[in-house]
């Protein structure tokens, strides 16, 4: 399965996604990934300016890279 987001990629958590401890700026770096079912992935995101790492399904993330 190909990865939708790469390790080290800057991402934003989509609006209307709630997660306890998520900073208001919703911007982080992908630090790890794991397979969900056959067609999905989950990503661990470390939020910029914090040491907070939270797990999100790929559908709740959007790339902040210009080509993404």
PDB file of N, CA and C in Angstrom:
ATOM      1  N   UNK A   1       0.849  -1.172   0.000  1.00  0.00           N
ATOM      2  CA  UNK A   1       0.000   0.000   0.000  1.00  0.00           C
ATOM      3  C   UNK A   1       0.894   1.235   0.000  1.00  0.00           C
ATOM      4  N   UNK A   2       0.630   2.178  -0.886  1.00  0.00           N
ATOM      5  CA  UNK A   2       1.426   3.394  -0.919  1.00  0.00           C
ATOM      6  C   UNK A   2       0.946   4.341   0.170  1.00  0.00           C
ATOM      7  N   UNK A   3       1.863   5.164   0.626  1.00  0.00           N
ATOM      8  CA  UNK A   3       1.522   6.111   1.685  1.00  0.00           C
ATOM      9  C   UNK A   3       0.980   7.392   1.081  1.00  0.00           C
ATOM     10  N   UNK A   4      -0.110   7.876   1.608  1.00  0.00           N
ATOM     11  CA  UNK A   4      -0.690   9.128   1.153  1.00  0.00           C
ATOM     12  C   UNK A   4       0.141  10.303   1.675  1.00  0.00           C
ATOM     13  N   UNK A   5       0.634  10.175   2.911  1.00  0.00           N
ATOM     14  CA  UNK A   5       1.464  11.201   3.532  1.00  0.00           C
ATOM     15  C   UNK A   5       2.809  10.587   3.894  1.00  0.00           C
ATOM     16  N   UNK A   6       3.869  11.345   3.715  1.00  0.00           N
ATOM     17  CA  UNK A   6       5.216  10.853   4.005  1.00  0.00           C
ATOM     18  C   UNK A   6       5.636  11.279   5.413  1.00  0.00           C
ATOM     19  N   UNK A   7       6.534  10.496   6.008  1.00  0.00           N
ATOM     20  CA  UNK A   7       7.108  10.864   7.296  1.00  0.00           C
ATOM     21  C   UNK A   7       7.793  12.210   7.133  1.00  0.00           C
ATOM     22  N   UNK A   8       7.579  13.113   8.061  1.00  0.00           N
ATOM     23  CA  UNK A   8       8.171  14.441   8.001  1.00  0.00           C
ATOM     24  C   UNK A   8       7.331  15.459   7.251  1.00  0.00           C
ATOM     25  N   UNK A   9       6.238  15.023   6.641  1.00  0.00           N
ATOM     26  CA  UNK A   9       5.375  15.937   5.886  1.00  0.00           C
ATOM     27  C   UNK A   9       4.536  16.788   6.825  1.00  0.00           C
ATOM     28  N   UNK A  10       4.416  18.072   6.497  1.00  0.00           N
ATOM     29  CA  UNK A  10       3.590  18.970   7.296  1.00  0.00           C
ATOM     30  C   UNK A  10       2.137  18.825   6.856  1.00  0.00           C
ATOM     31  N   UNK A  11       1.257  18.644   7.827  1.00  0.00           N
ATOM     32  CA  UNK A  11      -0.160  18.452   7.545  1.00  0.00           C
ATOM     33  C   UNK A  11      -0.994  19.353   8.451  1.00  0.00           C
ATOM     34  N   UNK A  12      -2.236  19.565   8.028  1.00  0.00           N
ATOM     35  CA  UNK A  12      -3.217  20.283   8.845  1.00  0.00           C
ATOM     36  C   UNK A  12      -4.379  19.324   9.075  1.00  0.00           C
ATOM     37  N   UNK A  13      -4.908  19.348  10.282  1.00  0.00           N
ATOM     38  CA  UNK A  13      -6.088  18.543  10.589  1.00  0.00           C
ATOM     39  C   UNK A  13      -7.298  19.300  10.043  1.00  0.00           C
ATOM     40  N   UNK A  14      -8.152  18.603   9.312  1.00  0.00           N
ATOM     41  CA  UNK A  14      -9.298  19.244   8.665  1.00  0.00           C
ATOM     42  C   UNK A  14     -10.259  19.859   9.679  1.00  0.00           C
ATOM     43  N   UNK A  15     -10.944  20.938   9.261  1.00  0.00           N
ATOM     44  CA  UNK A  15     -11.941  21.570  10.149  1.00  0.00           C
ATOM     45  C   UNK A  15     -13.015  20.557  10.566  1.00  0.00           C
ATOM     46  N   UNK A  16     -13.628  20.804  11.683  1.00  0.00           N
ATOM     47  CA  UNK A  16     -14.685  19.955  12.241  1.00  0.00           C
ATOM     48  C   UNK A  16     -14.194  18.589  12.709  1.00  0.00           C
ATOM     49  N   UNK A  17     -12.861  18.427  12.825  1.00  0.00           N
ATOM     50  CA  UNK A  17     -12.287  17.217  13.410  1.00  0.00           C
ATOM     51  C   UNK A  17     -11.932  17.545  14.850  1.00  0.00           C
ATOM     52  N   UNK A  18     -12.420  16.739  15.783  1.00  0.00           N
ATOM     53  CA  UNK A  18     -12.144  17.005  17.195  1.00  0.00           C
ATOM     54  C   UNK A  18     -11.272  15.904  17.766  1.00  0.00           C
ATOM     55  N   UNK A  19     -10.299  16.310  18.557  1.00  0.00           N
ATOM     56  CA  UNK A  19      -9.440  15.373  19.279  1.00  0.00           C
ATOM     57  C   UNK A  19      -8.984  16.097  20.540  1.00  0.00           C
ATOM     58  N   UNK A  20      -9.160  15.466  21.692  1.00  0.00           N
ATOM     59  CA  UNK A  20      -8.680  16.062  22.941  1.00  0.00           C
ATOM     60  C   UNK A  20      -7.195  16.383  22.798  1.00  0.00           C
ATOM     61  N   UNK A  21      -6.780  17.495  23.385  1.00  0.00           N
ATOM     62  CA  UNK A  21      -5.381  17.921  23.422  1.00  0.00           C
ATOM     63  C   UNK A  21      -4.865  18.491  22.097  1.00  0.00           C
ATOM     64  N   UNK A  22      -5.693  18.570  21.056  1.00  0.00           N
ATOM     65  CA  UNK A  22      -5.224  19.110  19.783  1.00  0.00           C
ATOM     66  C   UNK A  22      -5.120  20.634  19.879  1.00  0.00           C
ATOM     67  N   UNK A  23      -3.961  21.200  19.534  1.00  0.00           N
ATOM     68  CA  UNK A  23      -3.817  22.660  19.565  1.00  0.00           C
ATOM     69  C   UNK A  23      -4.749  23.342  18.562  1.00  0.00           C
ATOM     70  N   UNK A  24      -5.104  24.585  18.835  1.00  0.00           N
ATOM     71  CA  UNK A  24      -6.013  25.316  17.956  1.00  0.00           C
ATOM     72  C   UNK A  24      -5.455  25.498  16.545  1.00  0.00           C
ATOM     73  N   UNK A  25      -4.130  25.575  16.403  1.00  0.00           N
ATOM     74  CA  UNK A  25      -3.553  25.804  15.069  1.00  0.00           C
ATOM     75  C   UNK A  25      -3.670  24.587  14.151  1.00  0.00           C
ATOM     76  N   UNK A  26      -3.861  23.381  14.698  1.00  0.00           N
ATOM     77  CA  UNK A  26      -4.151  22.154  13.938  1.00  0.00           C
ATOM     78  C   UNK A  26      -3.055  21.757  12.950  1.00  0.00           C
ATOM     79  N   UNK A  27      -1.822  22.227  13.139  1.00  0.00           N
ATOM     80  CA  UNK A  27      -0.725  21.974  12.201  1.00  0.00           C
ATOM     81  C   UNK A  27       0.312  21.075  12.863  1.00  0.00           C
ATOM     82  N   UNK A  28       0.740  20.041  12.134  1.00  0.00           N
ATOM     83  CA  UNK A  28       1.735  19.132  12.681  1.00  0.00           C
ATOM     84  C   UNK A  28       2.550  18.446  11.610  1.00  0.00           C
ATOM     85  N   UNK A  29       3.435  17.579  12.075  1.00  0.00           N
ATOM     86  CA  UNK A  29       4.342  16.815  11.218  1.00  0.00           C
ATOM     87  C   UNK A  29       4.018  15.327  11.388  1.00  0.00           C
ATOM     88  N   UNK A  30       3.932  14.601  10.273  1.00  0.00           N
ATOM     89  CA  UNK A  30       3.717  13.155  10.321  1.00  0.00           C
ATOM     90  C   UNK A  30       4.979  12.503  10.878  1.00  0.00           C
ATOM     91  N   UNK A  31       4.842  11.769  11.981  1.00  0.00           N
ATOM     92  CA  UNK A  31       5.995  11.123  12.606  1.00  0.00           C
ATOM     93  C   UNK A  31       5.965   9.607  12.488  1.00  0.00           C
ATOM     94  N   UNK A  32       4.807   9.037  12.144  1.00  0.00           N
ATOM     95  CA  UNK A  32       4.694   7.585  12.047  1.00  0.00           C
ATOM     96  C   UNK A  32       3.381   7.242  11.354  1.00  0.00           C
ATOM     97  N   UNK A  33       3.297   6.031  10.837  1.00  0.00           N
ATOM     98  CA  UNK A  33       2.050   5.582  10.222  1.00  0.00           C
ATOM     99  C   UNK A  33       1.839   4.106  10.515  1.00  0.00           C
ATOM    100  N   UNK A  34       0.593   3.676  10.389  1.00  0.00           N
ATOM    101  CA  UNK A  34       0.277   2.254  10.547  1.00  0.00           C
ATOM    102  C   UNK A  34      -0.916   1.923   9.668  1.00  0.00           C
ATOM    103  N   UNK A  35      -0.977   0.686   9.253  1.00  0.00           N
ATOM    104  CA  UNK A  35      -2.062   0.252   8.391  1.00  0.00           C
ATOM    105  C   UNK A  35      -3.359   0.131   9.175  1.00  0.00           C
ATOM    106  N   UNK A  36      -4.444   0.553   8.514  1.00  0.00           N
ATOM    107  CA  UNK A  36      -5.781   0.296   9.041  1.00  0.00           C
ATOM    108  C   UNK A  36      -6.246  -0.985   8.376  1.00  0.00           C
ATOM    109  N   UNK A  37      -7.414  -0.922   7.731  1.00  0.00           N
ATOM    110  CA  UNK A  37      -7.838  -2.090   6.961  1.00  0.00           C
ATOM    111  C   UNK A  37      -7.087  -2.088   5.627  1.00  0.00           C
ATOM    112  N   UNK A  38      -7.505  -2.844   4.680  1.00  0.00           N
ATOM    113  CA  UNK A  38      -6.770  -3.018   3.428  1.00  0.00           C
ATOM    114  C   UNK A  38      -6.576  -1.733   2.623  1.00  0.00           C
ATOM    115  N   UNK A  39      -7.400  -0.717   2.853  1.00  0.00           N
ATOM    116  CA  UNK A  39      -7.344   0.471   2.001  1.00  0.00           C
ATOM    117  C   UNK A  39      -7.088   1.772   2.744  1.00  0.00           C
ATOM    118  N   UNK A  40      -6.795   1.722   4.029  1.00  0.00           N
ATOM    119  CA  UNK A  40      -6.624   2.960   4.788  1.00  0.00           C
ATOM    120  C   UNK A  40      -5.358   2.938   5.625  1.00  0.00           C
ATOM    121  N   UNK A  41      -4.955   4.117   6.073  1.00  0.00           N
ATOM    122  CA  UNK A  41      -3.819   4.265   6.965  1.00  0.00           C
ATOM    123  C   UNK A  41      -4.189   5.216   8.097  1.00  0.00           C
ATOM    124  N   UNK A  42      -3.478   5.065   9.198  1.00  0.00           N
ATOM    125  CA  UNK A  42      -3.552   5.985  10.322  1.00  0.00           C
ATOM    126  C   UNK A  42      -2.188   6.631  10.461  1.00  0.00           C
ATOM    127  N   UNK A  43      -2.174   7.899  10.833  1.00  0.00           N
ATOM    128  CA  UNK A  43      -0.925   8.648  10.958  1.00  0.00           C
ATOM    129  C   UNK A  43      -0.816   9.271  12.334  1.00  0.00           C
ATOM    130  N   UNK A  44       0.365   9.173  12.934  1.00  0.00           N
ATOM    131  CA  UNK A  44       0.666   9.870  14.172  1.00  0.00           C
ATOM    132  C   UNK A  44       1.246  11.221  13.800  1.00  0.00           C
ATOM    133  N   UNK A  45       0.648  12.271  14.334  1.00  0.00           N
ATOM    134  CA  UNK A  45       1.021  13.641  14.008  1.00  0.00           C
ATOM    135  C   UNK A  45       1.518  14.334  15.275  1.00  0.00           C
ATOM    136  N   UNK A  46       2.748  14.907  15.199  1.00  0.00           N
ATOM    137  CA  UNK A  46       3.269  15.725  16.297  1.00  0.00           C
ATOM    138  C   UNK A  46       2.988  17.176  15.951  1.00  0.00           C
ATOM    139  N   UNK A  47       2.306  17.865  16.847  1.00  0.00           N
ATOM    140  CA  UNK A  47       1.890  19.232  16.574  1.00  0.00           C
ATOM    141  C   UNK A  47       3.032  20.220  16.762  1.00  0.00           C
ATOM    142  N   UNK A  48       3.132  21.156  15.825  1.00  0.00           N
ATOM    143  CA  UNK A  48       4.183  22.160  15.811  1.00  0.00           C
ATOM    144  C   UNK A  48       4.166  22.945  17.121  1.00  0.00           C
ATOM    145  N   UNK A  49       5.357  23.134  17.699  1.00  0.00           N
ATOM    146  CA  UNK A  49       5.491  23.910  18.931  1.00  0.00           C
ATOM    147  C   UNK A  49       5.102  23.163  20.184  1.00  0.00           C
ATOM    148  N   UNK A  50       4.835  21.862  20.068  1.00  0.00           N
ATOM    149  CA  UNK A  50       4.442  21.051  21.225  1.00  0.00           C
ATOM    150  C   UNK A  50       5.142  19.699  21.149  1.00  0.00           C
ATOM    151  N   UNK A  51       4.933  18.897  22.166  1.00  0.00           N
ATOM    152  CA  UNK A  51       5.375  17.496  22.134  1.00  0.00           C
ATOM    153  C   UNK A  51       4.169  16.564  22.042  1.00  0.00           C
ATOM    154  N   UNK A  52       3.011  17.122  21.704  1.00  0.00           N
ATOM    155  CA  UNK A  52       1.766  16.355  21.610  1.00  0.00           C
ATOM    156  C   UNK A  52       1.756  15.547  20.314  1.00  0.00           C
ATOM    157  N   UNK A  53       1.540  14.238  20.442  1.00  0.00           N
ATOM    158  CA  UNK A  53       1.402  13.345  19.287  1.00  0.00           C
ATOM    159  C   UNK A  53       0.035  12.681  19.378  1.00  0.00           C
ATOM    160  N   UNK A  54      -0.757  12.810  18.308  1.00  0.00           N
ATOM    161  CA  UNK A  54      -2.085  12.214  18.250  1.00  0.00           C
ATOM    162  C   UNK A  54      -2.232  11.409  16.965  1.00  0.00           C
ATOM    163  N   UNK A  55      -3.085  10.396  16.989  1.00  0.00           N
ATOM    164  CA  UNK A  55      -3.314   9.519  15.834  1.00  0.00           C
ATOM    165  C   UNK A  55      -4.580   9.937  15.095  1.00  0.00           C
ATOM    166  N   UNK A  56      -4.474   9.986  13.740  1.00  0.00           N
ATOM    167  CA  UNK A  56      -5.614  10.360  12.904  1.00  0.00           C
ATOM    168  C   UNK A  56      -5.717   9.425  11.702  1.00  0.00           C
ATOM    169  N   UNK A  57      -6.940   9.119  11.322  1.00  0.00           N
ATOM    170  CA  UNK A  57      -7.208   8.434  10.063  1.00  0.00           C
ATOM    171  C   UNK A  57      -6.864   9.403   8.940  1.00  0.00           C
ATOM    172  N   UNK A  58      -6.369   8.879   7.822  1.00  0.00           N
ATOM    173  CA  UNK A  58      -5.916   9.721   6.710  1.00  0.00           C
ATOM    174  C   UNK A  58      -6.988  10.687   6.200  1.00  0.00           C
ATOM    175  N   UNK A  59      -8.261  10.349   6.351  1.00  0.00           N
ATOM    176  CA  UNK A  59      -9.316  11.216   5.822  1.00  0.00           C
ATOM    177  C   UNK A  59      -9.425  12.543   6.561  1.00  0.00           C
ATOM    178  N   UNK A  60      -8.811  12.637   7.761  1.00  0.00           N
ATOM    179  CA  UNK A  60      -8.886  13.868   8.546  1.00  0.00           C
ATOM    180  C   UNK A  60      -7.676  14.770   8.352  1.00  0.00           C
ATOM    181  N   UNK A  61      -6.750  14.380   7.456  1.00  0.00           N
ATOM    182  CA  UNK A  61      -5.521  15.148   7.239  1.00  0.00           C
ATOM    183  C   UNK A  61      -5.508  15.762   5.853  1.00  0.00           C
ATOM    184  N   UNK A  62      -4.851  16.934   5.745  1.00  0.00           N
ATOM    185  CA  UNK A  62      -4.605  17.526   4.438  1.00  0.00           C
ATOM    186  C   UNK A  62      -3.174  18.033   4.408  1.00  0.00           C
ATOM    187  N   UNK A  63      -2.504  17.809   3.281  1.00  0.00           N
ATOM    188  CA  UNK A  63      -1.109  18.200   3.128  1.00  0.00           C
ATOM    189  C   UNK A  63      -0.979  19.713   3.090  1.00  0.00           C
ATOM    190  N   UNK A  64       0.107  20.202   3.667  1.00  0.00           N
ATOM    191  CA  UNK A  64       0.406  21.629   3.584  1.00  0.00           C
ATOM    192  C   UNK A  64       1.531  21.878   2.579  1.00  0.00           C
ATOM    193  N   UNK A  65       2.039  20.823   1.955  1.00  0.00           N
ATOM    194  CA  UNK A  65       3.062  20.968   0.927  1.00  0.00           C
ATOM    195  C   UNK A  65       2.429  21.557  -0.324  1.00  0.00           C
ATOM    196  N   UNK A  66       3.166  22.412  -1.018  1.00  0.00           N
ATOM    197  CA  UNK A  66       2.622  23.052  -2.226  1.00  0.00           C
ATOM    198  C   UNK A  66       2.199  22.034  -3.275  1.00  0.00           C
ATOM    199  N   UNK A  67       2.949  20.935  -3.406  1.00  0.00           N
ATOM    200  CA  UNK A  67       2.608  19.932  -4.409  1.00  0.00           C
ATOM    201  C   UNK A  67       1.566  18.947  -3.894  1.00  0.00           C
ATOM    202  N   UNK A  68       1.244  18.976  -2.575  1.00  0.00           N
ATOM    203  CA  UNK A  68       0.319  18.024  -1.959  1.00  0.00           C
ATOM    204  C   UNK A  68      -1.059  18.476  -2.103  1.00  0.00           C
TER     205      UNK A  68
END
